[in-house]
Amino acid sequence: MPSGKQRESGFYSPMELFYSRRIGRKLPDGSEVPLLVGSKAFGRVNSWEYGGFIAATGREEFQEGTASGSEPAALYSSVRLKKQVMGNSSVGMLYVGRNSGDENNGVVDLDGAFRASDWQLSYQIARSYRNDEGDYAASVGLWMPKTSWILGLRSRYVGEKFDIQEVGFVPWRGTWNGALLTGPVWRLQTGAVSQIMVYGGGLFNHEKVDGYADRMAALGYNMQFRKNWGFEIGVTAGRSRDMGVLYNNREATLSSWFNLSPVWEGNLYGGYSRTYNFSRGYLASYGWAGGEIDWKAARILALGSSADIFFEGNPAGAVEEITFNARPYLSWTPVNNLNMRLYVDNLYLRTTGHLERVIGGFLFSYNFRPKSWLYFALNEVQDRSNEYDHEEQLLPNRLHMVNRVNVVKLKYLFYF
C-alpha cells in the first residue's frame, strides 16, 4: 500500500495500484484462472522496508455467450521499497506488473508522506504501461488538524490512457477531482461536549467523457461527547452533468458512533441525494440508512451485525426499488491465539419479495508461532440466477449455489 492513507479521518486515500484479486480472477463463464505457484518475501533493514511478490497463472479456456476465448498464462510480479526519513516520514517506490504472451501491463509508482504532530502531506505519482502505451496518474493530500481549526486539501488526476486493469483498481480514467475543507474547532475542557467542529469548502470533479466539471459547495457540523459518542451532519449542493444530463445535485448525510460500554459499540448512518442513477438511466432521488453493532457477549464470544436499506426513486417521485442487506457474524476465540469467525450476508429486494443472494463465510485462524499463522477459509455464494437441468431445461427460480471456495494458507516466519 502506498504511503499516506488516513485511516481515522478517511480524508485521503492513495490509489490502489496493486489489487491482488486480479490474480486468479473469475472469467465470463464462471471458470477461474488457475494459480500455479506464488511466493512473497518482506523484511526490514535499518530504516528500509522491502517486499516482493511473484505468482504464475495458467492458461484457461472460457465461453462468453456463443463465442469462445482463452486467458493466457501470465507472470505477476511486484516490488515495494520504503524508507523512513526525518523521523516519522517516509518515501517509497512500488512496481507491479503482469507479463503474458499477449501483452505486458503494469505500473511504477513514487510516493511518500511527510508527517508532524499536527499535519500530514502525502503524495503519489504513477506511470502505467500497456505494451507501448501508457499515461500518468497522481494524487496529493494535506491534512492539518490544528488545536483551533482544521484544513483538508486533496486532489487526484488519472490520465485517459492510465490503464492498469490487469494488476490494480483505478477505474476513473480521464478524471481530475479535488476538495478543500476548513473550519474552526472548539475543544471544551468541561461539560458533556468535548469537541465541536464546523467546516465548509468546495469540491470539483472533471470527467473527460462528459466534458464538464461537476462543482459543489459543502458544509458540515461535527460534535463529540465525553461519554464516547458523537455525530456528524454534512450537506453538499452544486451542478453536475452525467450521460449528457445537466442537473442540480444535492446530498445530505448523518452519521453517528457509540462506544458507551466496554462490551458493545455501534454506529448509525443515513442520507439522501438527488443524483443520476446509472443502472436505470435517469435522474432521481436516492436514499439510504443503516447501522452496525458489535457486542462482546462473553470473554471468548463476540456477536454483531450490519444492516442497510437503500431506496431508489424514479423521475415520477415514486419509490422504484428498496434493497435490504444484513450481515450478522459470530466470532469465537477459545484461546488467545485461535479464532473462528462465521458470517452470513443476505440481500433482499422489495420488488421480488425474495432473498436474491446469500453469501456464507467461515474463517479459522491459528497463530501457532510469533508471526506464523494457519488459515482455513470456506465461502459459498447462492443466488437466483438461471439454473438448468441436464437437458438444458430452465428450472424454477430458487436460491442455488453458484460458487464455493475452500482455501488453506500457511504463513511461517523464518528468522535469519
Protein backbone atom coordinates (compact mmCIF):
# COMPACT_ATOMS: atom_id res chain seq x y z
CA MET A 1 0.00 0.00 0.00
CA PRO A 2 1.44 3.44 -0.93
CA SER A 3 2.14 5.82 1.94
CA GLY A 4 -0.29 8.31 3.44
CA LYS A 5 -3.65 6.57 3.84
CA GLN A 6 -5.57 8.35 6.62
CA ARG A 7 -7.40 5.61 8.47
CA GLU A 8 -9.00 7.78 11.16
CA SER A 9 -10.37 10.73 9.18
CA GLY A 10 -10.57 8.90 5.84
CA PHE A 11 -10.00 12.22 4.07
CA TYR A 12 -7.18 10.99 1.81
CA SER A 13 -6.50 7.57 0.34
CA PRO A 14 -3.83 6.78 -2.28
CA MET A 15 -4.77 4.94 -5.46
CA GLU A 16 -4.89 1.15 -5.26
CA LEU A 17 -2.23 0.25 -7.80
CA PHE A 18 -1.91 -3.40 -6.71
CA TYR A 19 -5.17 -5.34 -6.38
CA SER A 20 -4.41 -8.98 -5.56
CA ARG A 21 -7.85 -10.21 -6.67
CA ARG A 22 -6.76 -9.66 -10.26
CA ILE A 23 -4.66 -12.82 -9.84
CA GLY A 24 -6.67 -15.99 -10.46
CA ARG A 25 -9.72 -13.95 -11.40
CA LYS A 26 -13.09 -15.28 -12.47
CA LEU A 27 -13.78 -15.44 -16.23
CA PRO A 28 -17.06 -14.57 -18.02
CA ASP A 29 -18.40 -18.15 -17.92
CA GLY A 30 -17.69 -18.56 -14.19
CA SER A 31 -14.47 -20.51 -14.53
CA GLU A 32 -11.37 -19.26 -12.75
CA VAL A 33 -7.81 -18.72 -13.88
CA PRO A 34 -5.64 -21.39 -12.17
CA LEU A 35 -2.95 -20.16 -9.81
CA LEU A 36 0.08 -22.39 -10.35
CA VAL A 37 2.59 -21.02 -7.86
CA GLY A 38 3.15 -17.92 -5.76
CA SER A 39 5.61 -16.59 -3.21
CA LYS A 40 6.37 -13.39 -1.33
CA ALA A 41 9.11 -12.05 0.92
CA PHE A 42 9.32 -8.98 3.11
CA GLY A 43 11.52 -7.51 5.80
CA ARG A 44 13.29 -4.51 7.26
CA VAL A 45 16.91 -3.38 7.22
CA ASN A 46 17.58 -0.36 9.42
CA SER A 47 15.33 2.43 8.05
CA TRP A 48 14.38 0.46 4.92
CA GLU A 49 11.35 -1.79 4.43
CA TYR A 50 11.22 -4.12 1.44
CA GLY A 51 8.83 -6.62 -0.04
CA GLY A 52 8.48 -8.74 -3.15
CA PHE A 53 5.78 -10.91 -4.68
CA ILE A 54 5.65 -13.28 -7.64
CA ALA A 55 2.89 -15.55 -8.94
CA ALA A 56 2.27 -17.60 -12.08
CA THR A 57 -1.16 -18.42 -13.52
CA GLY A 58 -2.03 -20.99 -16.17
CA ARG A 59 -3.87 -20.78 -19.46
CA GLU A 60 -7.66 -21.19 -19.25
CA GLU A 61 -10.31 -21.58 -21.96
CA PHE A 62 -13.75 -19.99 -21.45
CA GLN A 63 -17.08 -19.32 -23.17
CA GLU A 64 -18.64 -15.86 -23.49
CA GLY A 65 -22.09 -16.32 -24.96
CA THR A 66 -21.66 -18.22 -28.20
CA ALA A 67 -18.02 -17.19 -28.59
CA SER A 68 -15.03 -18.94 -27.08
CA GLY A 69 -11.88 -17.36 -25.75
CA SER A 70 -8.80 -18.05 -23.72
CA GLU A 71 -6.93 -16.39 -20.87
CA PRO A 72 -3.19 -16.73 -21.49
CA ALA A 73 -0.69 -17.92 -18.92
CA ALA A 74 0.83 -14.95 -17.09
CA LEU A 75 3.50 -13.97 -14.62
CA TYR A 76 2.67 -11.39 -11.93
CA SER A 77 5.40 -9.59 -10.02
CA SER A 78 5.62 -6.76 -7.52
CA VAL A 79 8.40 -4.95 -5.64
CA ARG A 80 7.92 -2.46 -2.81
CA LEU A 81 10.62 -0.32 -1.17
CA LYS A 82 10.01 2.24 1.58
CA LYS A 83 12.46 4.30 3.61
CA GLN A 84 11.77 6.13 6.84
CA VAL A 85 13.09 9.71 6.73
CA MET A 86 13.02 12.72 9.04
CA GLY A 87 11.66 10.77 11.98
CA ASN A 88 8.11 9.68 11.19
CA SER A 89 8.02 10.49 7.46
CA SER A 90 8.53 8.05 4.59
CA VAL A 91 9.25 7.84 0.87
CA GLY A 92 8.72 4.77 -1.27
CA MET A 93 8.56 3.09 -4.66
CA LEU A 94 6.19 0.43 -5.99
CA TYR A 95 6.33 -1.69 -9.14
CA VAL A 96 3.55 -4.07 -10.19
CA GLY A 97 3.48 -5.93 -13.50
CA ARG A 98 1.74 -8.68 -15.45
CA ASN A 99 3.54 -10.30 -18.36
CA SER A 100 1.99 -12.79 -20.77
CA GLY A 101 2.46 -13.89 -24.34
CA ASP A 102 -0.15 -11.37 -25.50
CA GLU A 103 0.80 -8.20 -23.64
CA ASN A 104 2.65 -6.55 -20.78
CA ASN A 105 0.73 -4.37 -18.32
CA GLY A 106 1.93 -2.67 -15.16
CA VAL A 107 2.70 0.47 -13.21
CA VAL A 108 5.60 2.21 -11.46
CA ASP A 109 4.87 4.47 -8.50
CA LEU A 110 6.74 7.01 -6.37
CA ASP A 111 5.00 8.02 -3.15
CA GLY A 112 5.59 9.40 0.30
CA ALA A 113 4.15 11.01 3.40
CA PHE A 114 5.70 13.84 5.38
CA ARG A 115 4.37 13.98 8.93
CA ALA A 116 4.48 16.18 12.00
CA SER A 117 2.45 16.08 15.19
CA ASP A 118 -0.40 18.13 13.72
CA TRP A 119 -0.20 17.73 9.92
CA GLN A 120 0.46 15.22 7.15
CA LEU A 121 1.27 15.81 3.48
CA SER A 122 1.01 12.74 1.23
CA TYR A 123 1.73 12.37 -2.47
CA GLN A 124 1.72 9.72 -5.17
CA ILE A 125 2.93 9.81 -8.80
CA ALA A 126 2.43 6.80 -11.07
CA ARG A 127 3.15 5.84 -14.67
CA SER A 128 1.30 2.96 -16.33
CA TYR A 129 2.24 0.90 -19.36
CA ARG A 130 0.33 -1.46 -21.63
CA ASN A 131 2.78 -2.63 -24.26
CA ASP A 132 3.90 0.62 -25.95
CA GLU A 133 1.18 2.86 -24.48
CA GLY A 134 0.93 4.49 -21.07
CA ASP A 135 -0.15 7.51 -19.08
CA TYR A 136 0.24 9.25 -15.75
CA ALA A 137 -1.78 9.46 -12.55
CA ALA A 138 -1.14 11.42 -9.37
CA SER A 139 -2.73 12.22 -6.04
CA VAL A 140 -1.94 14.54 -3.15
CA GLY A 141 -3.48 15.02 0.28
CA LEU A 142 -2.87 17.55 3.06
CA TRP A 143 -4.49 17.11 6.48
CA MET A 144 -3.89 19.67 9.27
CA PRO A 145 -5.90 19.08 12.47
CA LYS A 146 -4.72 22.09 14.47
CA THR A 147 -5.83 22.92 18.01
CA SER A 148 -8.44 25.50 16.98
CA TRP A 149 -9.05 24.75 13.29
CA ILE A 150 -8.73 22.07 10.61
CA LEU A 151 -7.65 22.17 6.99
CA GLY A 152 -8.01 19.39 4.44
CA LEU A 153 -6.88 19.52 0.81
CA ARG A 154 -6.82 16.63 -1.64
CA SER A 155 -6.68 16.11 -5.39
CA ARG A 156 -6.39 13.18 -7.81
CA TYR A 157 -5.64 13.11 -11.54
CA VAL A 158 -5.91 9.99 -13.72
CA GLY A 159 -4.91 10.19 -17.37
CA GLU A 160 -7.23 8.94 -20.09
CA LYS A 161 -4.81 6.13 -21.04
CA PHE A 162 -3.83 5.18 -17.48
CA ASP A 163 -4.80 1.52 -17.82
CA ILE A 164 -3.76 -0.92 -15.07
CA GLN A 165 -6.85 -3.13 -15.09
CA GLU A 166 -4.74 -6.31 -15.13
CA VAL A 167 -2.93 -5.51 -11.87
CA GLY A 168 -4.72 -2.72 -9.97
CA PHE A 169 -8.01 -0.95 -9.36
CA VAL A 170 -8.07 2.62 -10.71
CA PRO A 171 -11.25 2.79 -12.86
CA TRP A 172 -11.53 6.60 -13.02
CA ARG A 173 -9.60 7.18 -16.26
CA GLY A 174 -9.81 10.65 -17.74
CA THR A 175 -10.77 12.38 -14.48
CA TRP A 176 -9.47 15.11 -12.20
CA ASN A 177 -11.05 15.90 -8.85
CA GLY A 178 -10.28 17.86 -5.72
CA ALA A 179 -11.64 19.03 -2.38
CA LEU A 180 -10.86 21.82 0.07
CA LEU A 181 -12.39 21.83 3.56
CA THR A 182 -11.59 24.09 6.51
CA GLY A 183 -13.21 25.44 9.64
CA PRO A 184 -12.93 26.15 13.36
CA VAL A 185 -12.66 23.59 16.16
CA TRP A 186 -13.69 24.16 19.78
CA ARG A 187 -12.13 21.77 22.30
CA LEU A 188 -14.08 22.10 25.54
CA GLN A 189 -12.44 21.27 28.87
CA THR A 190 -15.64 20.80 30.91
CA GLY A 191 -19.20 19.68 30.30
CA ALA A 192 -20.80 16.84 28.36
CA VAL A 193 -19.44 18.01 24.99
CA SER A 194 -15.71 17.53 24.37
CA GLN A 195 -15.39 18.94 20.84
CA ILE A 196 -17.36 20.90 18.24
CA MET A 197 -16.21 21.33 14.65
CA VAL A 198 -17.79 23.31 11.82
CA TYR A 199 -16.31 23.08 8.33
CA GLY A 200 -17.06 24.29 4.84
CA GLY A 201 -15.46 24.22 1.45
CA GLY A 202 -15.79 23.10 -2.12
CA LEU A 203 -15.37 20.05 -4.34
CA PHE A 204 -14.98 19.51 -8.07
CA ASN A 205 -14.82 16.51 -10.38
CA HIS A 206 -13.95 16.79 -14.07
CA GLU A 207 -14.68 13.82 -16.36
CA LYS A 208 -13.39 14.00 -19.90
CA VAL A 209 -16.17 11.73 -21.17
CA ASP A 210 -18.76 14.30 -20.04
CA GLY A 211 -16.68 17.34 -20.96
CA TYR A 212 -17.80 19.03 -17.77
CA ALA A 213 -16.53 19.75 -14.26
CA ASP A 214 -19.03 18.99 -11.50
CA ARG A 215 -18.73 21.57 -8.73
CA MET A 216 -20.24 21.56 -5.27
CA ALA A 217 -20.21 23.53 -2.04
CA ALA A 218 -20.01 21.59 1.24
CA LEU A 219 -20.93 22.35 4.85
CA GLY A 220 -20.58 20.09 7.90
CA TYR A 221 -21.09 20.01 11.66
CA ASN A 222 -19.35 17.52 13.97
CA MET A 223 -19.95 17.10 17.71
CA GLN A 224 -18.23 14.66 20.09
CA PHE A 225 -19.21 13.88 23.68
CA ARG A 226 -17.12 12.81 26.64
CA LYS A 227 -19.07 9.58 27.05
CA ASN A 228 -17.58 8.27 23.80
CA TRP A 229 -20.27 9.03 21.29
CA GLY A 230 -20.83 11.67 18.65
CA PHE A 231 -22.43 12.59 15.35
CA GLU A 232 -21.76 14.48 12.13
CA ILE A 233 -24.12 16.19 9.68
CA GLY A 234 -22.99 17.08 6.17
CA VAL A 235 -24.64 18.71 3.15
CA THR A 236 -23.41 19.33 -0.40
CA ALA A 237 -25.05 21.10 -3.34
CA GLY A 238 -23.95 22.10 -6.82
CA ARG A 239 -24.13 21.40 -10.56
CA SER A 240 -23.32 18.11 -12.29
CA ARG A 241 -23.56 16.51 -15.69
CA ASP A 242 -23.88 12.77 -16.27
CA MET A 243 -24.70 11.00 -19.54
CA GLY A 244 -25.44 14.38 -21.13
CA VAL A 245 -27.92 15.40 -18.41
CA LEU A 246 -27.13 18.69 -16.63
CA TYR A 247 -28.78 18.97 -13.21
CA ASN A 248 -28.62 20.44 -9.72
CA ASN A 249 -27.19 17.84 -7.35
CA ARG A 250 -27.71 17.81 -3.60
CA GLU A 251 -26.93 15.45 -0.76
CA ALA A 252 -27.44 15.35 2.99
CA THR A 253 -25.82 12.79 5.32
CA LEU A 254 -25.94 11.94 9.00
CA SER A 255 -23.55 9.61 10.81
CA SER A 256 -23.15 8.75 14.48
CA TRP A 257 -20.97 6.48 16.57
CA PHE A 258 -21.38 4.99 20.04
CA ASN A 259 -18.84 3.40 22.36
CA LEU A 260 -20.63 3.78 25.68
CA SER A 261 -19.65 0.44 27.20
CA PRO A 262 -16.63 -1.90 27.18
CA VAL A 263 -18.88 -4.70 25.88
CA TRP A 264 -20.59 -3.05 22.92
CA GLU A 265 -20.17 -0.38 20.27
CA GLY A 266 -22.06 0.69 17.20
CA ASN A 267 -22.88 3.35 14.66
CA LEU A 268 -25.90 4.64 12.76
CA TYR A 269 -25.92 6.50 9.46
CA GLY A 270 -28.19 7.64 6.68
CA GLY A 271 -28.53 10.06 3.81
CA TYR A 272 -30.48 11.42 0.88
CA SER A 273 -29.29 12.59 -2.52
CA ARG A 274 -30.66 13.70 -5.85
CA THR A 275 -28.36 12.24 -8.44
CA TYR A 276 -28.13 10.28 -11.68
CA ASN A 277 -28.98 6.58 -11.40
CA PHE A 278 -26.59 4.96 -13.89
CA SER A 279 -28.05 1.45 -13.57
CA ARG A 280 -31.54 2.71 -14.50
CA GLY A 281 -30.54 5.58 -16.77
CA TYR A 282 -32.35 8.53 -15.24
CA LEU A 283 -32.13 11.38 -12.72
CA ALA A 284 -33.95 10.65 -9.46
CA SER A 285 -33.77 10.55 -5.67
CA TYR A 286 -31.69 8.04 -3.74
CA GLY A 287 -31.68 7.38 -0.01
CA TRP A 288 -30.04 5.04 2.45
CA ALA A 289 -29.93 4.19 6.15
CA GLY A 290 -28.09 1.63 8.20
CA GLY A 291 -26.09 0.72 11.22
CA GLU A 292 -23.60 -1.67 12.79
CA ILE A 293 -23.34 -3.18 16.25
CA ASP A 294 -20.61 -5.25 17.91
CA TRP A 295 -21.32 -6.99 21.23
CA LYS A 296 -18.83 -8.87 23.41
CA ALA A 297 -21.31 -11.42 24.70
CA ALA A 298 -18.61 -13.24 26.69
CA ARG A 299 -14.86 -13.20 27.12
CA ILE A 300 -14.47 -15.63 24.22
CA LEU A 301 -17.55 -14.75 22.15
CA ALA A 302 -18.39 -11.68 20.06
CA LEU A 303 -21.62 -11.16 18.12
CA GLY A 304 -22.64 -8.42 15.75
CA SER A 305 -24.27 -7.38 12.54
CA SER A 306 -24.56 -4.66 9.97
CA ALA A 307 -27.90 -3.79 8.36
CA ASP A 308 -28.60 -1.40 5.48
CA ILE A 309 -31.60 -0.30 3.46
CA PHE A 310 -31.41 1.55 0.12
CA PHE A 311 -34.23 3.45 -1.59
CA GLU A 312 -34.17 4.11 -5.34
CA GLY A 313 -36.61 6.71 -6.63
CA ASN A 314 -37.83 7.32 -10.17
CA PRO A 315 -38.47 10.54 -12.14
CA ALA A 316 -42.16 10.49 -11.13
CA GLY A 317 -41.18 10.76 -7.46
CA ALA A 318 -42.23 7.20 -6.52
CA VAL A 319 -40.03 4.50 -4.98
CA GLU A 320 -38.72 2.23 -7.72
CA GLU A 321 -36.87 -0.29 -5.55
CA ILE A 322 -35.96 -0.96 -1.93
CA THR A 323 -32.92 -3.13 -1.21
CA PHE A 324 -32.19 -4.68 2.19
CA ASN A 325 -28.80 -6.02 3.20
CA ALA A 326 -27.85 -7.62 6.53
CA ARG A 327 -24.58 -9.29 7.55
CA PRO A 328 -24.65 -10.93 11.02
CA TYR A 329 -21.48 -12.53 12.34
CA LEU A 330 -20.15 -14.66 15.19
CA SER A 331 -16.55 -14.64 16.40
CA TRP A 332 -15.31 -17.28 18.86
CA THR A 333 -11.85 -17.08 20.47
CA PRO A 334 -11.48 -20.03 22.88
CA VAL A 335 -7.77 -19.22 23.43
CA ASN A 336 -5.76 -16.11 22.66
CA ASN A 337 -4.09 -17.43 19.51
CA LEU A 338 -7.07 -19.18 17.88
CA ASN A 339 -10.18 -17.63 16.34
CA MET A 340 -13.16 -18.89 14.35
CA ARG A 341 -15.44 -16.43 12.57
CA LEU A 342 -18.74 -17.10 10.78
CA TYR A 343 -20.85 -14.62 8.80
CA VAL A 344 -23.90 -14.68 6.51
CA ASP A 345 -24.56 -11.85 4.04
CA ASN A 346 -28.21 -11.55 2.91
CA LEU A 347 -29.59 -9.43 0.04
CA TYR A 348 -33.36 -8.89 -0.30
CA LEU A 349 -35.34 -6.92 -2.93
CA ARG A 350 -38.79 -5.50 -2.32
CA THR A 351 -39.91 -5.97 -5.93
CA THR A 352 -39.33 -9.73 -5.91
CA GLY A 353 -40.17 -10.37 -2.26
CA HIS A 354 -37.29 -12.87 -2.02
CA LEU A 355 -33.75 -13.18 -0.82
CA GLU A 356 -31.83 -12.64 -4.04
CA ARG A 357 -28.38 -13.60 -2.78
CA VAL A 358 -26.82 -15.25 0.26
CA ILE A 359 -23.08 -15.37 0.96
CA GLY A 360 -21.80 -17.52 3.80
CA GLY A 361 -18.25 -17.46 5.07
CA PHE A 362 -16.14 -19.24 7.69
CA LEU A 363 -12.56 -18.40 8.70
CA PHE A 364 -10.31 -20.39 11.03
CA SER A 365 -7.13 -18.56 12.17
CA TYR A 366 -4.42 -20.12 14.34
CA ASN A 367 -1.34 -18.14 15.41
CA PHE A 368 0.88 -21.13 16.27
CA ARG A 369 4.17 -19.19 16.47
CA PRO A 370 5.14 -15.50 16.51
CA LYS A 371 4.02 -14.02 13.17
CA SER A 372 3.23 -17.52 11.88
CA TRP A 373 -0.37 -18.40 11.00
CA LEU A 374 -2.51 -21.24 9.73
CA TYR A 375 -5.71 -20.22 7.93
CA PHE A 376 -8.67 -22.20 6.62
CA ALA A 377 -11.48 -20.38 4.81
CA LEU A 378 -14.75 -21.57 3.30
CA ASN A 379 -17.03 -19.31 1.26
CA GLU A 380 -20.25 -20.12 -0.57
CA VAL A 381 -22.44 -17.90 -2.76
CA GLN A 382 -26.07 -18.67 -3.57
CA ASP A 383 -28.30 -16.59 -5.84
CA ARG A 384 -31.34 -16.79 -8.12
CA SER A 385 -29.59 -16.75 -11.49
CA ASN A 386 -30.94 -19.02 -14.24
CA GLU A 387 -30.48 -22.72 -13.48
CA TYR A 388 -30.81 -25.58 -15.98
CA ASP A 389 -31.19 -29.33 -15.69
CA HIS A 390 -29.15 -31.93 -17.58
CA GLU A 391 -31.47 -31.50 -20.61
CA GLU A 392 -30.85 -27.72 -20.67
CA GLN A 393 -34.38 -27.02 -19.45
CA LEU A 394 -34.86 -23.93 -17.28
CA LEU A 395 -35.59 -24.87 -13.67
CA PRO A 396 -37.96 -22.97 -11.34
CA ASN A 397 -36.40 -19.87 -9.82
CA ARG A 398 -34.75 -20.64 -6.48
CA LEU A 399 -31.65 -19.96 -4.43
CA HIS A 400 -28.88 -22.28 -5.57
CA MET A 401 -25.13 -22.49 -5.16
CA VAL A 402 -23.13 -20.69 -7.85
CA ASN A 403 -19.71 -20.64 -6.23
CA ARG A 404 -17.90 -22.38 -3.38
CA VAL A 405 -14.27 -21.78 -2.44
CA ASN A 406 -12.03 -23.55 0.10
CA VAL A 407 -8.65 -22.09 0.97
CA VAL A 408 -5.83 -23.34 3.21
CA LYS A 409 -2.95 -20.95 3.86
CA LEU A 410 0.19 -21.42 5.93
CA LYS A 411 2.24 -18.36 6.83
CA TYR A 412 5.55 -19.09 8.55
CA LEU A 413 8.19 -16.60 9.64
CA PHE A 414 11.83 -17.63 9.18
CA TYR A 415 14.41 -15.78 11.26
CA PHE A 416 17.84 -15.16 9.77
